[in-house]
Amino acid sequence: MSFIKWQKEFLTGLPEVDQQHQKLIETLNLLHFLLSKGKIQEEIREILHFLDNYTVEHFGTEEKLMVQHSGQIPRDLKERHFREHRYFIDRIQEFHGLLEAYQNGEQEKEALLELFEFLCTWLCEHILGTDKETASHLINIQEEASLAPQGL
């Protein structure tokens, strides 16, 4: 059974972004499963590797869209969004360091629980907040562009 089920509240309306968010939720569910089973070695490293790739692919997707429509997205929203991405990247790097420093003991499990909590909080605060707010602007921009008269 999944810890978090994909639901319509997670949808931003941007298909590529939504697919990437679904993958993050799947990974969060895998991490939850591994922690509940006490398996915390190679699989966890694979999850961190996924998160590294996720930051490049997913944040790249979102940031490219924001840059393409830079003048049409509120500056403070764009700056906040970029700042939150950098914070996520920094936190994932911290978790890499923690896992390298600890052996397979209680301290490592505490670090993994902290990682799990961070990802859950990220899901709630960033995806359901900042991502949805940004997506709303991007969708409005796309709709306005599709309604604009085409040149003859």
N, C-alpha and C. Protein backbone atom coordinates (compact mmCIF):
# COMPACT_ATOMS: atom_id res chain seq x y z
N MET A 1 0.84 -1.18 0.00
CA MET A 1 0.00 0.00 0.00
C MET A 1 0.88 1.25 0.00
N SER A 2 0.47 2.23 -0.76
CA SER A 2 1.23 3.47 -0.88
C SER A 2 1.04 4.36 0.34
N PHE A 3 2.09 5.05 0.70
CA PHE A 3 2.01 6.03 1.78
C PHE A 3 1.24 7.25 1.29
N ILE A 4 1.53 7.67 0.07
CA ILE A 4 0.84 8.80 -0.55
C ILE A 4 0.29 8.33 -1.89
N LYS A 5 -0.99 8.52 -2.09
CA LYS A 5 -1.61 8.18 -3.37
C LYS A 5 -1.70 9.43 -4.22
N TRP A 6 -1.41 9.25 -5.51
CA TRP A 6 -1.55 10.35 -6.45
C TRP A 6 -3.03 10.74 -6.49
N GLN A 7 -3.28 12.03 -6.43
CA GLN A 7 -4.66 12.51 -6.45
C GLN A 7 -4.74 13.81 -7.23
N LYS A 8 -5.94 14.19 -7.59
CA LYS A 8 -6.14 15.34 -8.46
C LYS A 8 -5.61 16.64 -7.86
N GLU A 9 -5.53 16.72 -6.54
CA GLU A 9 -5.01 17.94 -5.91
C GLU A 9 -3.55 18.20 -6.27
N PHE A 10 -2.85 17.16 -6.69
CA PHE A 10 -1.44 17.32 -7.07
C PHE A 10 -1.28 17.86 -8.49
N LEU A 11 -2.33 17.80 -9.28
CA LEU A 11 -2.23 18.23 -10.68
C LEU A 11 -1.98 19.72 -10.79
N THR A 12 -1.03 20.06 -11.65
CA THR A 12 -0.76 21.47 -11.91
C THR A 12 -1.43 21.92 -13.20
N GLY A 13 -1.75 20.97 -14.06
CA GLY A 13 -2.29 21.30 -15.39
C GLY A 13 -1.21 21.32 -16.45
N LEU A 14 0.02 21.11 -16.06
CA LEU A 14 1.15 21.02 -17.00
C LEU A 14 1.56 19.55 -17.05
N PRO A 15 1.20 18.83 -18.12
CA PRO A 15 1.41 17.38 -18.17
C PRO A 15 2.82 16.91 -17.85
N GLU A 16 3.83 17.55 -18.40
CA GLU A 16 5.21 17.11 -18.15
C GLU A 16 5.57 17.28 -16.67
N VAL A 17 5.17 18.39 -16.09
CA VAL A 17 5.44 18.65 -14.67
C VAL A 17 4.69 17.63 -13.81
N ASP A 18 3.43 17.36 -14.16
CA ASP A 18 2.64 16.40 -13.39
C ASP A 18 3.24 15.00 -13.43
N GLN A 19 3.75 14.58 -14.59
CA GLN A 19 4.39 13.27 -14.69
C GLN A 19 5.63 13.20 -13.80
N GLN A 20 6.38 14.28 -13.77
CA GLN A 20 7.58 14.31 -12.94
C GLN A 20 7.21 14.28 -11.46
N HIS A 21 6.14 14.98 -11.09
CA HIS A 21 5.67 14.96 -9.70
C HIS A 21 5.21 13.55 -9.32
N GLN A 22 4.56 12.86 -10.23
CA GLN A 22 4.12 11.49 -9.96
C GLN A 22 5.32 10.60 -9.64
N LYS A 23 6.39 10.78 -10.38
CA LYS A 23 7.61 9.99 -10.15
C LYS A 23 8.19 10.30 -8.78
N LEU A 24 8.13 11.55 -8.35
CA LEU A 24 8.62 11.91 -7.02
C LEU A 24 7.78 11.23 -5.95
N ILE A 25 6.48 11.19 -6.13
CA ILE A 25 5.61 10.52 -5.16
C ILE A 25 5.90 9.02 -5.13
N GLU A 26 6.11 8.41 -6.28
CA GLU A 26 6.48 6.99 -6.31
C GLU A 26 7.77 6.75 -5.53
N THR A 27 8.72 7.65 -5.68
CA THR A 27 10.00 7.51 -4.98
C THR A 27 9.81 7.71 -3.48
N LEU A 28 8.98 8.64 -3.09
CA LEU A 28 8.68 8.86 -1.69
C LEU A 28 8.03 7.61 -1.09
N ASN A 29 7.13 6.99 -1.83
CA ASN A 29 6.50 5.74 -1.37
C ASN A 29 7.52 4.62 -1.25
N LEU A 30 8.46 4.54 -2.18
CA LEU A 30 9.52 3.53 -2.09
C LEU A 30 10.38 3.76 -0.86
N LEU A 31 10.74 5.00 -0.61
CA LEU A 31 11.54 5.33 0.57
C LEU A 31 10.79 4.92 1.84
N HIS A 32 9.51 5.22 1.89
CA HIS A 32 8.70 4.83 3.04
C HIS A 32 8.72 3.31 3.23
N PHE A 33 8.55 2.57 2.15
CA PHE A 33 8.58 1.10 2.21
C PHE A 33 9.93 0.60 2.71
N LEU A 34 11.01 1.14 2.17
CA LEU A 34 12.34 0.69 2.56
C LEU A 34 12.61 0.99 4.04
N LEU A 35 12.19 2.15 4.50
CA LEU A 35 12.38 2.49 5.90
C LEU A 35 11.58 1.56 6.80
N SER A 36 10.37 1.21 6.38
CA SER A 36 9.53 0.33 7.19
C SER A 36 10.10 -1.09 7.24
N LYS A 37 10.85 -1.48 6.22
CA LYS A 37 11.44 -2.82 6.17
C LYS A 37 12.87 -2.84 6.69
N GLY A 38 13.42 -1.66 6.99
CA GLY A 38 14.77 -1.59 7.51
C GLY A 38 15.85 -1.75 6.45
N LYS A 39 15.48 -1.67 5.19
CA LYS A 39 16.47 -1.78 4.11
C LYS A 39 16.95 -0.38 3.78
N ILE A 40 18.21 -0.12 4.09
CA ILE A 40 18.65 1.26 3.94
C ILE A 40 20.01 1.43 3.28
N GLN A 41 20.48 0.46 2.55
CA GLN A 41 21.80 0.64 1.95
C GLN A 41 21.72 1.03 0.48
N GLU A 42 21.90 0.07 -0.40
CA GLU A 42 22.01 0.36 -1.83
C GLU A 42 20.75 1.02 -2.39
N GLU A 43 19.58 0.58 -1.94
CA GLU A 43 18.34 1.16 -2.44
C GLU A 43 18.25 2.65 -2.13
N ILE A 44 18.72 3.03 -0.95
CA ILE A 44 18.67 4.44 -0.55
C ILE A 44 19.61 5.25 -1.43
N ARG A 45 20.75 4.69 -1.74
CA ARG A 45 21.68 5.40 -2.63
C ARG A 45 21.04 5.62 -4.00
N GLU A 46 20.28 4.63 -4.45
CA GLU A 46 19.57 4.77 -5.73
C GLU A 46 18.52 5.88 -5.64
N ILE A 47 17.86 6.00 -4.50
CA ILE A 47 16.88 7.07 -4.33
C ILE A 47 17.57 8.43 -4.35
N LEU A 48 18.69 8.55 -3.69
CA LEU A 48 19.42 9.82 -3.73
C LEU A 48 19.90 10.13 -5.15
N HIS A 49 20.31 9.10 -5.87
CA HIS A 49 20.71 9.29 -7.27
C HIS A 49 19.50 9.78 -8.08
N PHE A 50 18.33 9.17 -7.86
CA PHE A 50 17.11 9.64 -8.52
C PHE A 50 16.85 11.10 -8.19
N LEU A 51 16.98 11.47 -6.91
CA LEU A 51 16.71 12.86 -6.51
C LEU A 51 17.68 13.83 -7.15
N ASP A 52 18.94 13.41 -7.31
CA ASP A 52 19.91 14.24 -8.02
C ASP A 52 19.44 14.48 -9.46
N ASN A 53 19.05 13.39 -10.13
CA ASN A 53 18.57 13.51 -11.51
C ASN A 53 17.27 14.30 -11.59
N TYR A 54 16.41 14.11 -10.59
CA TYR A 54 15.13 14.81 -10.53
C TYR A 54 15.35 16.32 -10.50
N THR A 55 16.32 16.75 -9.71
CA THR A 55 16.56 18.19 -9.61
C THR A 55 16.99 18.77 -10.96
N VAL A 56 17.78 18.01 -11.70
CA VAL A 56 18.23 18.49 -13.01
C VAL A 56 17.07 18.50 -14.00
N GLU A 57 16.37 17.37 -14.12
CA GLU A 57 15.30 17.26 -15.11
C GLU A 57 14.08 18.11 -14.74
N HIS A 58 13.55 17.90 -13.56
CA HIS A 58 12.31 18.57 -13.19
C HIS A 58 12.49 20.06 -12.99
N PHE A 59 13.50 20.44 -12.22
CA PHE A 59 13.71 21.86 -12.00
C PHE A 59 14.07 22.54 -13.31
N GLY A 60 14.81 21.84 -14.17
CA GLY A 60 15.13 22.38 -15.49
C GLY A 60 13.87 22.65 -16.30
N THR A 61 12.92 21.72 -16.25
CA THR A 61 11.65 21.88 -16.96
C THR A 61 10.92 23.12 -16.46
N GLU A 62 10.76 23.21 -15.15
CA GLU A 62 10.02 24.34 -14.58
C GLU A 62 10.74 25.67 -14.82
N GLU A 63 12.04 25.68 -14.62
CA GLU A 63 12.78 26.93 -14.76
C GLU A 63 12.82 27.40 -16.21
N LYS A 64 12.90 26.46 -17.14
CA LYS A 64 12.86 26.81 -18.56
C LYS A 64 11.53 27.49 -18.89
N LEU A 65 10.43 26.93 -18.40
CA LEU A 65 9.11 27.53 -18.64
C LEU A 65 9.03 28.93 -18.03
N MET A 66 9.58 29.09 -16.85
CA MET A 66 9.53 30.41 -16.20
C MET A 66 10.38 31.43 -16.95
N VAL A 67 11.54 31.01 -17.42
CA VAL A 67 12.42 31.92 -18.16
C VAL A 67 11.79 32.30 -19.50
N GLN A 68 11.16 31.32 -20.17
CA GLN A 68 10.50 31.60 -21.45
C GLN A 68 9.41 32.66 -21.30
N HIS A 69 8.77 32.71 -20.16
CA HIS A 69 7.67 33.64 -19.93
C HIS A 69 8.02 34.60 -18.80
N SER A 70 9.28 34.93 -18.71
CA SER A 70 9.81 35.70 -17.60
C SER A 70 9.05 36.99 -17.32
N GLY A 71 8.75 37.75 -18.35
CA GLY A 71 8.08 39.03 -18.15
C GLY A 71 6.62 38.90 -17.78
N GLN A 72 6.07 37.70 -17.89
CA GLN A 72 4.65 37.49 -17.62
C GLN A 72 4.37 36.80 -16.29
N ILE A 73 5.40 36.36 -15.63
CA ILE A 73 5.26 35.73 -14.32
C ILE A 73 5.76 36.72 -13.28
N PRO A 74 4.99 36.92 -12.21
CA PRO A 74 5.44 37.88 -11.18
C PRO A 74 6.87 37.58 -10.74
N ARG A 75 7.66 38.61 -10.70
CA ARG A 75 9.08 38.46 -10.37
C ARG A 75 9.29 37.80 -9.01
N ASP A 76 8.51 38.20 -8.00
CA ASP A 76 8.69 37.63 -6.67
C ASP A 76 8.36 36.13 -6.65
N LEU A 77 7.38 35.71 -7.44
CA LEU A 77 7.04 34.29 -7.53
C LEU A 77 8.19 33.51 -8.18
N LYS A 78 8.70 34.04 -9.28
CA LYS A 78 9.81 33.37 -9.97
C LYS A 78 11.03 33.28 -9.07
N GLU A 79 11.37 34.35 -8.38
CA GLU A 79 12.53 34.34 -7.49
C GLU A 79 12.34 33.36 -6.34
N ARG A 80 11.14 33.33 -5.77
CA ARG A 80 10.83 32.39 -4.68
C ARG A 80 10.93 30.95 -5.19
N HIS A 81 10.42 30.70 -6.37
CA HIS A 81 10.44 29.37 -6.95
C HIS A 81 11.89 28.89 -7.16
N PHE A 82 12.71 29.74 -7.74
CA PHE A 82 14.13 29.40 -7.95
C PHE A 82 14.84 29.17 -6.61
N ARG A 83 14.54 30.02 -5.63
CA ARG A 83 15.15 29.88 -4.30
C ARG A 83 14.78 28.54 -3.67
N GLU A 84 13.52 28.14 -3.80
CA GLU A 84 13.07 26.87 -3.24
C GLU A 84 13.76 25.69 -3.93
N HIS A 85 13.98 25.82 -5.23
CA HIS A 85 14.70 24.76 -5.95
C HIS A 85 16.13 24.64 -5.42
N ARG A 86 16.78 25.77 -5.22
CA ARG A 86 18.16 25.73 -4.72
C ARG A 86 18.21 25.13 -3.32
N TYR A 87 17.22 25.43 -2.50
CA TYR A 87 17.15 24.87 -1.15
C TYR A 87 17.01 23.35 -1.22
N PHE A 88 16.15 22.85 -2.10
CA PHE A 88 15.97 21.41 -2.27
C PHE A 88 17.31 20.76 -2.66
N ILE A 89 17.98 21.34 -3.62
CA ILE A 89 19.28 20.81 -4.08
C ILE A 89 20.27 20.78 -2.92
N ASP A 90 20.35 21.86 -2.15
CA ASP A 90 21.27 21.92 -1.01
C ASP A 90 20.94 20.85 0.03
N ARG A 91 19.65 20.65 0.32
CA ARG A 91 19.24 19.65 1.30
C ARG A 91 19.60 18.23 0.83
N ILE A 92 19.37 17.94 -0.44
CA ILE A 92 19.70 16.61 -0.95
C ILE A 92 21.21 16.38 -0.85
N GLN A 93 22.01 17.40 -1.11
CA GLN A 93 23.45 17.27 -0.97
C GLN A 93 23.85 17.02 0.49
N GLU A 94 23.15 17.66 1.41
CA GLU A 94 23.40 17.40 2.83
C GLU A 94 23.13 15.94 3.17
N PHE A 95 22.04 15.40 2.64
CA PHE A 95 21.71 14.00 2.91
C PHE A 95 22.77 13.07 2.33
N HIS A 96 23.31 13.41 1.18
CA HIS A 96 24.42 12.61 0.63
C HIS A 96 25.56 12.57 1.65
N GLY A 97 25.90 13.73 2.17
CA GLY A 97 26.99 13.82 3.14
C GLY A 97 26.70 13.03 4.40
N LEU A 98 25.48 13.13 4.91
CA LEU A 98 25.12 12.39 6.12
C LEU A 98 25.24 10.88 5.91
N LEU A 99 24.76 10.43 4.77
CA LEU A 99 24.79 8.99 4.51
C LEU A 99 26.22 8.48 4.31
N GLU A 100 27.06 9.31 3.76
CA GLU A 100 28.46 8.92 3.60
C GLU A 100 29.16 8.86 4.96
N ALA A 101 28.77 9.74 5.86
CA ALA A 101 29.42 9.84 7.16
C ALA A 101 29.04 8.71 8.10
N TYR A 102 27.84 8.19 7.95
CA TYR A 102 27.35 7.17 8.88
C TYR A 102 27.46 5.78 8.29
N GLN A 103 27.67 4.84 9.14
CA GLN A 103 27.60 3.43 8.74
C GLN A 103 26.14 3.00 8.91
N ASN A 104 25.86 1.77 8.67
CA ASN A 104 24.50 1.26 8.75
C ASN A 104 24.07 1.14 10.21
N GLY A 105 23.81 2.27 10.83
CA GLY A 105 23.43 2.28 12.24
C GLY A 105 22.26 3.22 12.49
N GLU A 106 22.03 3.52 13.73
CA GLU A 106 20.88 4.33 14.12
C GLU A 106 20.98 5.75 13.57
N GLN A 107 22.18 6.30 13.53
CA GLN A 107 22.32 7.67 13.02
C GLN A 107 21.91 7.74 11.56
N GLU A 108 22.25 6.69 10.78
CA GLU A 108 21.86 6.68 9.37
C GLU A 108 20.34 6.63 9.25
N LYS A 109 19.70 5.81 10.08
CA LYS A 109 18.24 5.72 10.02
C LYS A 109 17.61 7.06 10.38
N GLU A 110 18.16 7.74 11.35
CA GLU A 110 17.65 9.07 11.71
C GLU A 110 17.79 10.03 10.53
N ALA A 111 18.91 9.97 9.83
CA ALA A 111 19.10 10.83 8.66
C ALA A 111 18.10 10.49 7.57
N LEU A 112 17.81 9.21 7.40
CA LEU A 112 16.84 8.79 6.39
C LEU A 112 15.42 9.22 6.77
N LEU A 113 15.10 9.14 8.04
CA LEU A 113 13.80 9.61 8.49
C LEU A 113 13.68 11.12 8.27
N GLU A 114 14.78 11.83 8.49
CA GLU A 114 14.79 13.27 8.25
C GLU A 114 14.60 13.56 6.76
N LEU A 115 15.25 12.75 5.90
CA LEU A 115 15.08 12.90 4.45
C LEU A 115 13.62 12.66 4.08
N PHE A 116 13.03 11.61 4.62
CA PHE A 116 11.64 11.29 4.33
C PHE A 116 10.72 12.44 4.75
N GLU A 117 10.95 12.96 5.94
CA GLU A 117 10.14 14.09 6.44
C GLU A 117 10.31 15.32 5.54
N PHE A 118 11.55 15.57 5.14
CA PHE A 118 11.81 16.70 4.25
C PHE A 118 11.04 16.55 2.95
N LEU A 119 11.07 15.35 2.34
CA LEU A 119 10.38 15.14 1.07
C LEU A 119 8.87 15.28 1.22
N CYS A 120 8.33 14.80 2.33
CA CYS A 120 6.88 14.96 2.57
C CYS A 120 6.52 16.44 2.70
N THR A 121 7.32 17.17 3.44
CA THR A 121 7.08 18.61 3.61
C THR A 121 7.21 19.32 2.27
N TRP A 122 8.22 18.95 1.51
CA TRP A 122 8.43 19.54 0.18
C TRP A 122 7.20 19.32 -0.69
N LEU A 123 6.70 18.11 -0.66
CA LEU A 123 5.53 17.76 -1.46
C LEU A 123 4.36 18.69 -1.10
N CYS A 124 4.12 18.86 0.17
CA CYS A 124 3.00 19.69 0.61
C CYS A 124 3.22 21.17 0.32
N GLU A 125 4.37 21.67 0.69
CA GLU A 125 4.60 23.11 0.61
C GLU A 125 4.95 23.59 -0.79
N HIS A 126 5.85 22.89 -1.45
CA HIS A 126 6.33 23.39 -2.75
C HIS A 126 5.39 22.98 -3.88
N ILE A 127 5.11 21.71 -3.99
CA ILE A 127 4.29 21.26 -5.12
C ILE A 127 2.87 21.80 -5.01
N LEU A 128 2.26 21.68 -3.83
CA LEU A 128 0.88 22.13 -3.68
C LEU A 128 0.78 23.65 -3.56
N GLY A 129 1.90 24.30 -3.33
CA GLY A 129 1.89 25.76 -3.20
C GLY A 129 2.54 26.45 -4.38
N THR A 130 3.84 26.55 -4.35
CA THR A 130 4.59 27.31 -5.35
C THR A 130 4.43 26.76 -6.76
N ASP A 131 4.50 25.43 -6.92
CA ASP A 131 4.36 24.85 -8.26
C ASP A 131 2.98 25.12 -8.84
N LYS A 132 1.95 24.93 -8.03
CA LYS A 132 0.59 25.15 -8.53
C LYS A 132 0.36 26.62 -8.86
N GLU A 133 0.90 27.51 -8.05
CA GLU A 133 0.76 28.95 -8.31
C GLU A 133 1.46 29.33 -9.61
N THR A 134 2.67 28.82 -9.80
CA THR A 134 3.41 29.09 -11.03
C THR A 134 2.70 28.49 -12.23
N ALA A 135 2.24 27.26 -12.10
CA ALA A 135 1.53 26.60 -13.20
C ALA A 135 0.28 27.37 -13.60
N SER A 136 -0.41 27.92 -12.64
CA SER A 136 -1.60 28.71 -12.93
C SER A 136 -1.26 29.89 -13.83
N HIS A 137 -0.17 30.56 -13.53
CA HIS A 137 0.29 31.67 -14.39
C HIS A 137 0.65 31.17 -15.78
N LEU A 138 1.39 30.06 -15.84
CA LEU A 138 1.81 29.53 -17.14
C LEU A 138 0.62 29.09 -17.98
N ILE A 139 -0.37 28.48 -17.36
CA ILE A 139 -1.57 28.06 -18.09
C ILE A 139 -2.32 29.27 -18.61
N ASN A 140 -2.43 30.32 -17.80
CA ASN A 140 -3.09 31.56 -18.25
C ASN A 140 -2.36 32.17 -19.44
N ILE A 141 -1.04 32.14 -19.39
CA ILE A 141 -0.23 32.67 -20.50
C ILE A 141 -0.50 31.86 -21.76
N GLN A 142 -0.52 30.52 -21.63
CA GLN A 142 -0.78 29.66 -22.79
C GLN A 142 -2.18 29.90 -23.35
N GLU A 143 -3.16 30.04 -22.47
CA GLU A 143 -4.53 30.27 -22.93
C GLU A 143 -4.66 31.61 -23.64
N GLU A 144 -4.03 32.65 -23.09
CA GLU A 144 -4.07 33.97 -23.73
C GLU A 144 -3.41 33.91 -25.11
N ALA A 145 -2.32 33.18 -25.20
CA ALA A 145 -1.61 33.07 -26.48
C ALA A 145 -2.47 32.34 -27.51
N SER A 146 -3.22 31.33 -27.07
CA SER A 146 -4.05 30.58 -28.02
C SER A 146 -5.27 31.38 -28.46
N LEU A 147 -5.68 32.36 -27.66
CA LEU A 147 -6.82 33.19 -28.01
C LEU A 147 -6.43 34.43 -28.82
N ALA A 148 -5.15 34.74 -28.82
CA ALA A 148 -4.67 35.94 -29.56
C ALA A 148 -4.88 35.74 -31.05
N PRO A 149 -5.27 36.80 -31.75
CA PRO A 149 -5.44 36.68 -33.19
C PRO A 149 -4.10 36.33 -33.86
N GLN A 150 -4.19 35.43 -34.80
CA GLN A 150 -3.00 35.00 -35.54
C GLN A 150 -2.74 35.96 -36.68
N GLY A 151 -1.46 36.17 -36.98
CA GLY A 151 -1.08 37.06 -38.08
C GLY A 151 -1.55 36.51 -39.43
N LEU A 152 -1.86 37.40 -40.33
CA LEU A 152 -2.34 36.97 -41.66
C LEU A 152 -1.22 36.76 -42.60
